[in-house]
Amino acid sequence: MSVNRVCLNCGSSSFVSDRSLGGKIVCSKCGSSSFKKKSSSFLKSKKLVFIAIVITILIIVI
């Protein structure tokens, strides 16, 4: 359906409309109806954490 949403339960981005729930959007992998919008800040913060870990390891080694 929409590529800018991710499931809070499993992280999948594939959703379907469940007819038995009156058309409510649910995750096609786990069936959860809780999702959030995917943001680019999440990816940026993940990169920052990775860089901080690498710098910490380099400081410890040196």
PDB file of N, CA and C in Angstrom:
ATOM      1  N   MET A   1       0.827  -1.180   0.000  1.00  0.00           N
ATOM      2  CA  MET A   1       0.000   0.000   0.000  1.00  0.00           C
ATOM      3  C   MET A   1       0.875   1.248   0.000  1.00  0.00           C
ATOM      4  N   SER A   2       1.203   1.731   1.175  1.00  0.00           N
ATOM      5  CA  SER A   2       1.972   2.957   1.291  1.00  0.00           C
ATOM      6  C   SER A   2       3.390   2.613   1.725  1.00  0.00           C
ATOM      7  N   VAL A   3       4.359   3.179   1.059  1.00  0.00           N
ATOM      8  CA  VAL A   3       5.745   2.845   1.352  1.00  0.00           C
ATOM      9  C   VAL A   3       6.344   3.709   2.450  1.00  0.00           C
ATOM     10  N   ASN A   4       5.607   4.699   2.950  1.00  0.00           N
ATOM     11  CA  ASN A   4       6.167   5.557   3.981  1.00  0.00           C
ATOM     12  C   ASN A   4       5.698   5.163   5.375  1.00  0.00           C
ATOM     13  N   ARG A   5       5.190   3.960   5.547  1.00  0.00           N
ATOM     14  CA  ARG A   5       4.772   3.463   6.861  1.00  0.00           C
ATOM     15  C   ARG A   5       5.498   2.164   7.170  1.00  0.00           C
ATOM     16  N   VAL A   6       5.778   1.944   8.451  1.00  0.00           N
ATOM     17  CA  VAL A   6       6.382   0.689   8.884  1.00  0.00           C
ATOM     18  C   VAL A   6       5.608   0.153  10.077  1.00  0.00           C
ATOM     19  N   CYS A   7       5.559  -1.147  10.204  1.00  0.00           N
ATOM     20  CA  CYS A   7       4.870  -1.808  11.307  1.00  0.00           C
ATOM     21  C   CYS A   7       5.700  -1.656  12.577  1.00  0.00           C
ATOM     22  N   LEU A   8       5.043  -1.334  13.681  1.00  0.00           N
ATOM     23  CA  LEU A   8       5.753  -1.213  14.955  1.00  0.00           C
ATOM     24  C   LEU A   8       6.142  -2.576  15.506  1.00  0.00           C
ATOM     25  N   ASN A   9       5.437  -3.609  15.104  1.00  0.00           N
ATOM     26  CA  ASN A   9       5.671  -4.949  15.632  1.00  0.00           C
ATOM     27  C   ASN A   9       6.861  -5.637  14.964  1.00  0.00           C
ATOM     28  N   CYS A  10       6.857  -5.675  13.616  1.00  0.00           N
ATOM     29  CA  CYS A  10       7.893  -6.441  12.915  1.00  0.00           C
ATOM     30  C   CYS A  10       8.775  -5.593  12.002  1.00  0.00           C
ATOM     31  N   GLY A  11       8.421  -4.327  11.756  1.00  0.00           N
ATOM     32  CA  GLY A  11       9.231  -3.459  10.919  1.00  0.00           C
ATOM     33  C   GLY A  11       8.956  -3.580   9.436  1.00  0.00           C
ATOM     34  N   SER A  12       7.959  -4.347   9.062  1.00  0.00           N
ATOM     35  CA  SER A  12       7.631  -4.533   7.660  1.00  0.00           C
ATOM     36  C   SER A  12       6.955  -3.292   7.094  1.00  0.00           C
ATOM     37  N   SER A  13       7.064  -3.126   5.786  1.00  0.00           N
ATOM     38  CA  SER A  13       6.403  -1.990   5.146  1.00  0.00           C
ATOM     39  C   SER A  13       5.315  -2.441   4.181  1.00  0.00           C
ATOM     40  N   SER A  14       4.878  -3.690   4.302  1.00  0.00           N
ATOM     41  CA  SER A  14       3.801  -4.173   3.438  1.00  0.00           C
ATOM     42  C   SER A  14       2.518  -4.310   4.254  1.00  0.00           C
ATOM     43  N   PHE A  15       1.484  -3.601   3.807  1.00  0.00           N
ATOM     44  CA  PHE A  15       0.201  -3.579   4.505  1.00  0.00           C
ATOM     45  C   PHE A  15      -0.923  -3.987   3.568  1.00  0.00           C
ATOM     46  N   VAL A  16      -1.983  -4.518   4.144  1.00  0.00           N
ATOM     47  CA  VAL A  16      -3.181  -4.878   3.387  1.00  0.00           C
ATOM     48  C   VAL A  16      -4.398  -4.348   4.119  1.00  0.00           C
ATOM     49  N   SER A  17      -5.484  -4.231   3.403  1.00  0.00           N
ATOM     50  CA  SER A  17      -6.746  -3.806   3.989  1.00  0.00           C
ATOM     51  C   SER A  17      -7.523  -5.060   4.367  1.00  0.00           C
ATOM     52  N   ASP A  18      -7.806  -5.250   5.640  1.00  0.00           N
ATOM     53  CA  ASP A  18      -8.491  -6.439   6.130  1.00  0.00           C
ATOM     54  C   ASP A  18      -9.997  -6.237   6.024  1.00  0.00           C
ATOM     55  N   ARG A  19     -10.640  -7.014   5.186  1.00  0.00           N
ATOM     56  CA  ARG A  19     -12.075  -6.870   4.962  1.00  0.00           C
ATOM     57  C   ARG A  19     -12.893  -7.278   6.179  1.00  0.00           C
ATOM     58  N   SER A  20     -12.399  -8.223   6.959  1.00  0.00           N
ATOM     59  CA  SER A  20     -13.158  -8.665   8.127  1.00  0.00           C
ATOM     60  C   SER A  20     -13.170  -7.616   9.240  1.00  0.00           C
ATOM     61  N   LEU A  21     -12.235  -6.677   9.196  1.00  0.00           N
ATOM     62  CA  LEU A  21     -12.189  -5.600  10.186  1.00  0.00           C
ATOM     63  C   LEU A  21     -12.729  -4.294   9.622  1.00  0.00           C
ATOM     64  N   GLY A  22     -13.495  -4.365   8.562  1.00  0.00           N
ATOM     65  CA  GLY A  22     -14.097  -3.172   7.981  1.00  0.00           C
ATOM     66  C   GLY A  22     -13.126  -2.334   7.186  1.00  0.00           C
ATOM     67  N   GLY A  23     -12.123  -2.956   6.597  1.00  0.00           N
ATOM     68  CA  GLY A  23     -11.171  -2.228   5.764  1.00  0.00           C
ATOM     69  C   GLY A  23     -10.008  -1.624   6.524  1.00  0.00           C
ATOM     70  N   LYS A  24      -9.844  -2.025   7.771  1.00  0.00           N
ATOM     71  CA  LYS A  24      -8.733  -1.490   8.566  1.00  0.00           C
ATOM     72  C   LYS A  24      -7.405  -1.976   7.994  1.00  0.00           C
ATOM     73  N   ILE A  25      -6.416  -1.098   7.970  1.00  0.00           N
ATOM     74  CA  ILE A  25      -5.093  -1.428   7.432  1.00  0.00           C
ATOM     75  C   ILE A  25      -4.328  -2.244   8.472  1.00  0.00           C
ATOM     76  N   VAL A  26      -3.828  -3.416   8.052  1.00  0.00           N
ATOM     77  CA  VAL A  26      -3.041  -4.280   8.934  1.00  0.00           C
ATOM     78  C   VAL A  26      -1.779  -4.720   8.203  1.00  0.00           C
ATOM     79  N   CYS A  27      -0.782  -5.110   8.978  1.00  0.00           N
ATOM     80  CA  CYS A  27       0.477  -5.610   8.427  1.00  0.00           C
ATOM     81  C   CYS A  27       0.233  -6.972   7.780  1.00  0.00           C
ATOM     82  N   SER A  28       0.788  -7.177   6.597  1.00  0.00           N
ATOM     83  CA  SER A  28       0.568  -8.450   5.910  1.00  0.00           C
ATOM     84  C   SER A  28       1.436  -9.571   6.471  1.00  0.00           C
ATOM     85  N   LYS A  29       2.463  -9.243   7.253  1.00  0.00           N
ATOM     86  CA  LYS A  29       3.336 -10.279   7.808  1.00  0.00           C
ATOM     87  C   LYS A  29       2.908 -10.732   9.196  1.00  0.00           C
ATOM     88  N   CYS A  30       2.596  -9.770  10.092  1.00  0.00           N
ATOM     89  CA  CYS A  30       2.279 -10.160  11.468  1.00  0.00           C
ATOM     90  C   CYS A  30       0.820  -9.909  11.849  1.00  0.00           C
ATOM     91  N   GLY A  31       0.084  -9.134  11.042  1.00  0.00           N
ATOM     92  CA  GLY A  31      -1.324  -8.885  11.324  1.00  0.00           C
ATOM     93  C   GLY A  31      -1.576  -7.743  12.292  1.00  0.00           C
ATOM     94  N   SER A  32      -0.555  -7.046  12.693  1.00  0.00           N
ATOM     95  CA  SER A  32      -0.702  -5.940  13.632  1.00  0.00           C
ATOM     96  C   SER A  32      -1.292  -4.726  12.922  1.00  0.00           C
ATOM     97  N   SER A  33      -2.069  -3.947  13.663  1.00  0.00           N
ATOM     98  CA  SER A  33      -2.650  -2.740  13.072  1.00  0.00           C
ATOM     99  C   SER A  33      -1.949  -1.482  13.562  1.00  0.00           C
ATOM    100  N   SER A  34      -0.844  -1.642  14.262  1.00  0.00           N
ATOM    101  CA  SER A  34      -0.100  -0.473  14.740  1.00  0.00           C
ATOM    102  C   SER A  34       1.080  -0.213  13.814  1.00  0.00           C
ATOM    103  N   PHE A  35       1.149   1.004  13.314  1.00  0.00           N
ATOM    104  CA  PHE A  35       2.231   1.376  12.418  1.00  0.00           C
ATOM    105  C   PHE A  35       2.580   2.832  12.641  1.00  0.00           C
ATOM    106  N   LYS A  36       3.730   3.223  12.112  1.00  0.00           N
ATOM    107  CA  LYS A  36       4.165   4.609  12.211  1.00  0.00           C
ATOM    108  C   LYS A  36       4.730   5.022  10.872  1.00  0.00           C
ATOM    109  N   LYS A  37       4.846   6.318  10.681  1.00  0.00           N
ATOM    110  CA  LYS A  37       5.422   6.824   9.444  1.00  0.00           C
ATOM    111  C   LYS A  37       6.929   6.690   9.503  1.00  0.00           C
ATOM    112  N   LYS A  38       7.499   6.250   8.403  1.00  0.00           N
ATOM    113  CA  LYS A  38       8.945   6.106   8.303  1.00  0.00           C
ATOM    114  C   LYS A  38       9.548   7.490   8.128  1.00  0.00           C
ATOM    115  N   SER A  39      10.548   7.789   8.932  1.00  0.00           N
ATOM    116  CA  SER A  39      11.172   9.098   8.838  1.00  0.00           C
ATOM    117  C   SER A  39      12.640   8.952   8.494  1.00  0.00           C
ATOM    118  N   SER A  40      13.153   9.934   7.814  1.00  0.00           N
ATOM    119  CA  SER A  40      14.566   9.892   7.455  1.00  0.00           C
ATOM    120  C   SER A  40      15.448  10.191   8.662  1.00  0.00           C
ATOM    121  N   SER A  41      14.884  10.836   9.699  1.00  0.00           N
ATOM    122  CA  SER A  41      15.682  11.133  10.886  1.00  0.00           C
ATOM    123  C   SER A  41      16.083   9.848  11.614  1.00  0.00           C
ATOM    124  N   PHE A  42      15.249   8.796  11.487  1.00  0.00           N
ATOM    125  CA  PHE A  42      15.605   7.507  12.087  1.00  0.00           C
ATOM    126  C   PHE A  42      16.870   6.971  11.449  1.00  0.00           C
ATOM    127  N   LEU A  43      16.952   7.065  10.129  1.00  0.00           N
ATOM    128  CA  LEU A  43      18.140   6.578   9.436  1.00  0.00           C
ATOM    129  C   LEU A  43      19.354   7.414   9.782  1.00  0.00           C
ATOM    130  N   LYS A  44      19.178   8.713   9.909  1.00  0.00           N
ATOM    131  CA  LYS A  44      20.292   9.585  10.269  1.00  0.00           C
ATOM    132  C   LYS A  44      20.781   9.290  11.678  1.00  0.00           C
ATOM    133  N   SER A  45      19.857   9.074  12.610  1.00  0.00           N
ATOM    134  CA  SER A  45      20.268   8.788  13.980  1.00  0.00           C
ATOM    135  C   SER A  45      20.957   7.430  14.069  1.00  0.00           C
ATOM    136  N   LYS A  46      20.536   6.495  13.245  1.00  0.00           N
ATOM    137  CA  LYS A  46      21.178   5.185  13.219  1.00  0.00           C
ATOM    138  C   LYS A  46      22.616   5.317  12.723  1.00  0.00           C
ATOM    139  N   LYS A  47      22.830   6.166  11.729  1.00  0.00           N
ATOM    140  CA  LYS A  47      24.184   6.400  11.222  1.00  0.00           C
ATOM    141  C   LYS A  47      25.040   7.093  12.277  1.00  0.00           C
ATOM    142  N   LEU A  48      24.447   8.037  13.006  1.00  0.00           N
ATOM    143  CA  LEU A  48      25.196   8.740  14.046  1.00  0.00           C
ATOM    144  C   LEU A  48      25.621   7.793  15.157  1.00  0.00           C
ATOM    145  N   VAL A  49      24.754   6.882  15.538  1.00  0.00           N
ATOM    146  CA  VAL A  49      25.100   5.905  16.577  1.00  0.00           C
ATOM    147  C   VAL A  49      26.237   5.020  16.091  1.00  0.00           C
ATOM    148  N   PHE A  50      26.174   4.594  14.835  1.00  0.00           N
ATOM    149  CA  PHE A  50      27.230   3.755  14.277  1.00  0.00           C
ATOM    150  C   PHE A  50      28.563   4.496  14.265  1.00  0.00           C
ATOM    151  N   ILE A  51      28.550   5.743  13.858  1.00  0.00           N
ATOM    152  CA  ILE A  51      29.782   6.548  13.832  1.00  0.00           C
ATOM    153  C   ILE A  51      30.324   6.739  15.248  1.00  0.00           C
ATOM    154  N   ALA A  52      29.447   6.976  16.216  1.00  0.00           N
ATOM    155  CA  ALA A  52      29.888   7.148  17.601  1.00  0.00           C
ATOM    156  C   ALA A  52      30.526   5.863  18.138  1.00  0.00           C
ATOM    157  N   ILE A  53      29.981   4.714  17.790  1.00  0.00           N
ATOM    158  CA  ILE A  53      30.548   3.436  18.233  1.00  0.00           C
ATOM    159  C   ILE A  53      31.922   3.235  17.619  1.00  0.00           C
ATOM    160  N   VAL A  54      32.062   3.541  16.319  1.00  0.00           N
ATOM    161  CA  VAL A  54      33.340   3.366  15.640  1.00  0.00           C
ATOM    162  C   VAL A  54      34.400   4.292  16.255  1.00  0.00           C
ATOM    163  N   ILE A  55      34.041   5.539  16.521  1.00  0.00           N
ATOM    164  CA  ILE A  55      34.985   6.480  17.134  1.00  0.00           C
ATOM    165  C   ILE A  55      35.389   6.008  18.533  1.00  0.00           C
ATOM    166  N   THR A  56      34.443   5.507  19.310  1.00  0.00           N
ATOM    167  CA  THR A  56      34.741   4.990  20.639  1.00  0.00           C
ATOM    168  C   THR A  56      35.702   3.812  20.572  1.00  0.00           C
ATOM    169  N   ILE A  57      35.477   2.912  19.646  1.00  0.00           N
ATOM    170  CA  ILE A  57      36.357   1.745  19.485  1.00  0.00           C
ATOM    171  C   ILE A  57      37.754   2.198  19.085  1.00  0.00           C
ATOM    172  N   LEU A  58      37.837   3.174  18.171  1.00  0.00           N
ATOM    173  CA  LEU A  58      39.149   3.671  17.756  1.00  0.00           C
ATOM    174  C   LEU A  58      39.893   4.323  18.920  1.00  0.00           C
ATOM    175  N   ILE A  59      39.184   5.061  19.772  1.00  0.00           N
ATOM    176  CA  ILE A  59      39.826   5.702  20.923  1.00  0.00           C
ATOM    177  C   ILE A  59      40.325   4.655  21.918  1.00  0.00           C
ATOM    178  N   ILE A  60      39.545   3.604  22.115  1.00  0.00           N
ATOM    179  CA  ILE A  60      39.944   2.541  23.042  1.00  0.00           C
ATOM    180  C   ILE A  60      41.171   1.794  22.502  1.00  0.00           C
ATOM    181  N   VAL A  61      41.202   1.531  21.216  1.00  0.00           N
ATOM    182  CA  VAL A  61      42.323   0.809  20.614  1.00  0.00           C
ATOM    183  C   VAL A  61      43.594   1.634  20.661  1.00  0.00           C
ATOM    184  N   ILE A  62      43.478   2.908  20.416  1.00  0.00           N
ATOM    185  CA  ILE A  62      44.659   3.783  20.410  1.00  0.00           C
ATOM    186  C   ILE A  62      45.006   4.108  21.835  1.00  0.00           C
TER     187      ILE A  62
END
